[in-house]
Amino acid sequence: SYWGGRMLRHTITALLVFCVGYAAGRLLRIEGVDAVSWMESLLYLTLFLVGVSVSRELTRLHAPKLFFKSLVKLTASTVIGSVLGGMVASLVAILEGWRPADGYVCTVGSMLLVSLGMGWYTLTGTVLSMYSSTLAFLGFTSNLLRELITFLVYPLLSKRYRVSGISVGGATTMDTTLPVIYRFGGPDVALLAFSHGLVLTLIIPLLLQATISLVGLHGCP
C-alpha cells in the first residue's frame, strides 16, 4: 500500500542518512563537539515546531479523563515491558554463563537496572558506572539502541499501533523521538507521547535508586 511504502521509505532513508553521516565523520574528521551543538540546536527547533502543532491539539482535548487513562496505561505498559525484557535478557546471559573481564556477575537484578533506563542512556550509564564498568556499558549502549530502534521501527508500527508503539521509545518520546512520532502518529499521538516521556523521565531516577537498594549493589572500590 501507499502508506506502507511511505513508512518503509522513511526507515530506509533514516538508515542511509545515518550511514552517510558516519562516513562523512570518518572521512572529513568533523569535530564531535560542533556536531553535538548542531544536533542540539536542530532538536530544540524541531521540538518547538512540534509544540506549536501539539498546542492546537491540546485545545481540542475534549476527553481529558480518557487521555490521562491512556497515559497511565501506556506508561505502565512501558515499565512492565522493560522489566520483562530485562528479566529475559538476564536469563539468557545466565544460561550462557556470560562473565566479563571485570569480574561482574550477571544477575536478574542487575539486568533490570539496565532495562529500567528505558531509553535514558546518559543517566543509566552514569549511575551504573559507580557499580560496574560492564553494567555501565550495557546501560548506555542498550538504551541508546532503544532510541535508534525507535526511529526505524515506529514508522512501521504506526499504521496499526500508533499508541502502543510509543512504548518502544521509552523516555525518549519526550524529546529525540518525538518528531518521528508526530510525523507518523499525528499531533494527538504526539501529545500523548510527550506526556509519556515526561512521566518516565520523572520516575526513572526513582526506579533506578529503588532497584539498586533492593538488589544491594555496592560501589566500585
Protein backbone atom coordinates (compact mmCIF):
# COMPACT_ATOMS: atom_id res chain seq x y z
CA SER A 1 0.00 0.00 0.00
CA TYR A 2 0.98 3.65 -0.36
CA TRP A 3 1.16 4.19 3.41
CA GLY A 4 3.23 1.08 3.98
CA GLY A 5 5.59 2.05 1.18
CA ARG A 6 5.99 5.54 2.63
CA MET A 7 6.89 4.18 6.06
CA LEU A 8 9.37 1.72 4.56
CA ARG A 9 10.98 4.53 2.54
CA HIS A 10 11.34 6.60 5.71
CA THR A 11 13.07 3.73 7.52
CA ILE A 12 15.45 3.13 4.61
CA THR A 13 16.13 6.87 4.30
CA ALA A 14 16.92 7.12 8.01
CA LEU A 15 19.40 4.25 7.72
CA LEU A 16 21.03 5.77 4.65
CA VAL A 17 21.33 9.22 6.26
CA PHE A 18 22.93 7.68 9.35
CA CYS A 19 25.41 5.74 7.22
CA VAL A 20 26.28 8.83 5.14
CA GLY A 21 26.78 10.84 8.34
CA TYR A 22 29.01 8.13 9.78
CA ALA A 23 31.08 8.00 6.60
CA ALA A 24 31.37 11.82 6.49
CA GLY A 25 32.51 11.90 10.10
CA ARG A 26 35.20 9.30 9.42
CA LEU A 27 36.44 10.81 6.17
CA LEU A 28 36.15 14.54 6.93
CA ARG A 29 37.11 14.30 10.61
CA ILE A 30 34.21 16.53 11.67
CA GLU A 31 34.66 17.73 15.25
CA GLY A 32 32.26 15.88 17.56
CA VAL A 33 31.62 18.92 19.77
CA ASP A 34 30.44 21.01 16.80
CA ALA A 35 28.21 18.18 15.59
CA VAL A 36 26.61 17.85 19.03
CA SER A 37 25.96 21.58 19.16
CA TRP A 38 24.25 21.49 15.76
CA MET A 39 22.19 18.46 16.76
CA GLU A 40 21.04 20.12 19.97
CA SER A 41 20.04 23.29 18.12
CA LEU A 42 18.11 21.38 15.46
CA LEU A 43 16.43 19.23 18.11
CA TYR A 44 15.26 22.27 20.06
CA LEU A 45 13.94 23.88 16.88
CA THR A 46 12.09 20.70 15.93
CA LEU A 47 10.61 20.36 19.41
CA PHE A 48 9.46 24.00 19.24
CA LEU A 49 7.65 23.39 15.94
CA VAL A 50 6.11 20.16 17.23
CA GLY A 51 5.00 22.01 20.37
CA VAL A 52 3.25 24.65 18.26
CA SER A 53 1.34 21.96 16.40
CA VAL A 54 0.54 19.93 19.51
CA SER A 55 -0.76 23.04 21.34
CA ARG A 56 -3.66 23.18 18.89
CA GLU A 57 -4.46 19.57 19.68
CA LEU A 58 -4.42 20.35 23.41
CA THR A 59 -7.14 22.99 22.97
CA ARG A 60 -9.29 20.34 21.26
CA LEU A 61 -8.83 17.80 24.05
CA HIS A 62 -12.49 17.06 24.81
CA ALA A 63 -11.94 13.98 26.98
CA PRO A 64 -9.11 14.70 29.46
CA LYS A 65 -10.08 11.71 31.63
CA LEU A 66 -9.68 9.36 28.67
CA PHE A 67 -6.35 10.99 27.82
CA PHE A 68 -4.97 10.52 31.34
CA LYS A 69 -6.29 6.96 31.46
CA SER A 70 -4.45 6.22 28.21
CA LEU A 71 -1.33 7.88 29.61
CA VAL A 72 -1.36 5.74 32.75
CA LYS A 73 -1.93 2.52 30.78
CA LEU A 74 0.78 3.37 28.26
CA THR A 75 3.34 4.32 30.91
CA ALA A 76 2.61 1.22 32.97
CA SER A 77 2.94 -0.95 29.85
CA THR A 78 6.33 0.60 29.08
CA VAL A 79 7.65 -0.05 32.58
CA ILE A 80 6.30 -3.61 32.72
CA GLY A 81 7.61 -4.41 29.25
CA SER A 82 11.05 -3.05 30.16
CA VAL A 83 11.13 -5.15 33.33
CA LEU A 84 10.14 -8.31 31.44
CA GLY A 85 12.76 -7.56 28.77
CA GLY A 86 15.44 -7.19 31.43
CA MET A 87 14.44 -10.49 33.02
CA VAL A 88 14.59 -12.34 29.71
CA ALA A 89 18.00 -10.82 28.89
CA SER A 90 19.37 -11.78 32.30
CA LEU A 91 18.16 -15.36 31.99
CA VAL A 92 19.80 -15.69 28.58
CA ALA A 93 23.08 -14.28 29.92
CA ILE A 94 23.00 -16.56 32.97
CA LEU A 95 22.27 -19.67 30.89
CA GLU A 96 25.13 -18.78 28.54
CA GLY A 97 27.44 -18.41 31.54
CA TRP A 98 28.48 -14.93 30.46
CA ARG A 99 31.09 -13.35 32.74
CA PRO A 100 33.07 -10.29 31.57
CA ALA A 101 36.68 -9.44 32.43
CA ASP A 102 35.94 -7.01 35.27
CA GLY A 103 34.51 -9.82 37.40
CA TYR A 104 30.94 -8.59 37.13
CA VAL A 105 28.42 -11.37 37.70
CA CYS A 106 25.20 -11.13 35.71
CA THR A 107 22.05 -11.30 37.83
CA VAL A 108 18.38 -10.69 37.18
CA GLY A 109 18.52 -7.59 39.37
CA SER A 110 21.44 -6.03 37.53
CA MET A 111 19.79 -6.57 34.14
CA LEU A 112 16.65 -4.94 35.49
CA LEU A 113 18.73 -1.84 36.19
CA VAL A 114 19.87 -1.78 32.57
CA SER A 115 16.34 -2.17 31.20
CA LEU A 116 14.83 0.35 33.63
CA GLY A 117 16.84 3.08 31.91
CA MET A 118 14.04 2.95 29.31
CA GLY A 119 15.97 4.90 26.72
CA TRP A 120 17.67 7.42 29.03
CA TYR A 121 21.17 6.19 28.23
CA THR A 122 23.15 9.11 29.68
CA LEU A 123 21.61 8.77 33.12
CA THR A 124 21.68 4.96 33.13
CA GLY A 125 25.31 4.76 32.06
CA THR A 126 26.38 7.38 34.61
CA VAL A 127 24.52 5.83 37.54
CA LEU A 128 25.67 2.27 36.79
CA SER A 129 29.30 3.34 36.28
CA MET A 130 29.53 3.69 40.08
CA TYR A 131 29.00 -0.06 40.41
CA SER A 132 30.46 -1.79 37.36
CA SER A 133 32.07 -0.70 34.11
CA THR A 134 30.35 -3.58 32.32
CA LEU A 135 26.97 -2.64 33.76
CA ALA A 136 27.54 0.99 32.76
CA PHE A 137 28.43 -0.07 29.19
CA LEU A 138 25.33 -2.22 28.94
CA GLY A 139 23.15 0.53 30.40
CA PHE A 140 24.46 3.10 27.95
CA THR A 141 24.52 1.05 24.75
CA SER A 142 21.25 -0.85 25.21
CA ASN A 143 19.31 2.32 25.95
CA LEU A 144 20.99 4.18 23.09
CA LEU A 145 19.98 1.35 20.79
CA ARG A 146 16.42 1.65 22.07
CA GLU A 147 16.35 5.24 20.87
CA LEU A 148 17.82 4.37 17.47
CA ILE A 149 15.46 1.42 17.03
CA THR A 150 12.50 3.72 17.68
CA PHE A 151 13.47 5.91 14.72
CA LEU A 152 13.46 2.85 12.48
CA VAL A 153 10.57 0.83 13.92
CA TYR A 154 7.88 3.37 14.84
CA PRO A 155 7.13 4.37 11.21
CA LEU A 156 6.45 0.68 10.53
CA LEU A 157 4.31 0.25 13.64
CA SER A 158 2.33 3.46 13.33
CA LYS A 159 -0.27 2.15 10.90
CA ARG A 160 -1.71 -0.38 13.38
CA TYR A 161 -0.04 0.54 16.67
CA ARG A 162 0.05 4.33 16.74
CA VAL A 163 -0.38 4.50 20.53
CA SER A 164 1.13 1.25 21.82
CA GLY A 165 4.14 1.74 19.53
CA ILE A 166 5.10 4.76 21.65
CA SER A 167 6.36 2.38 24.33
CA VAL A 168 9.30 1.39 22.15
CA GLY A 169 10.81 4.86 22.62
CA GLY A 170 10.58 4.91 26.41
CA ALA A 171 11.68 8.23 27.90
CA THR A 172 12.96 9.45 24.52
CA THR A 173 9.40 10.14 23.34
CA MET A 174 9.62 13.41 25.25
CA ASP A 175 12.36 14.79 23.03
CA THR A 176 14.54 12.98 20.49
CA THR A 177 11.99 10.53 19.05
CA LEU A 178 9.01 12.89 19.36
CA PRO A 179 9.40 14.30 15.81
CA VAL A 180 9.12 10.87 14.15
CA ILE A 181 6.12 10.01 16.33
CA TYR A 182 4.49 13.31 15.42
CA ARG A 183 5.07 12.72 11.72
CA PHE A 184 3.68 9.20 11.57
CA GLY A 185 1.30 9.18 14.55
CA GLY A 186 -0.20 12.64 14.27
CA PRO A 187 -0.48 15.56 16.74
CA ASP A 188 -2.90 13.75 19.06
CA VAL A 189 -0.48 10.84 19.48
CA ALA A 190 2.46 13.25 19.79
CA LEU A 191 0.79 14.90 22.77
CA LEU A 192 0.42 11.52 24.44
CA ALA A 193 4.00 10.58 23.53
CA PHE A 194 5.40 13.78 25.05
CA SER A 195 3.45 13.23 28.28
CA HIS A 196 4.55 9.58 28.36
CA GLY A 197 8.21 10.55 28.02
CA LEU A 198 7.87 13.28 30.64
CA VAL A 199 6.39 10.92 33.23
CA LEU A 200 9.11 8.32 32.57
CA THR A 201 11.81 10.97 32.86
CA LEU A 202 10.48 11.84 36.31
CA ILE A 203 10.22 8.26 37.60
CA ILE A 204 13.29 6.58 36.05
CA PRO A 205 15.76 8.02 38.63
CA LEU A 206 13.46 6.83 41.42
CA LEU A 207 13.11 3.36 39.91
CA LEU A 208 16.86 3.04 39.44
CA GLN A 209 17.66 4.04 43.01
CA ALA A 210 14.94 1.81 44.44
CA THR A 211 16.15 -1.18 42.40
CA ILE A 212 19.78 -0.53 43.40
CA SER A 213 18.72 -0.66 47.04
CA LEU A 214 16.72 -3.86 46.51
CA VAL A 215 19.49 -5.57 44.54
CA GLY A 216 22.12 -4.47 47.05
CA LEU A 217 24.75 -3.25 44.61
CA HIS A 218 27.94 -1.82 46.09
CA GLY A 219 30.03 0.97 44.65
CA CYS A 220 33.30 0.37 42.84
CA PRO A 221 36.32 0.38 45.18
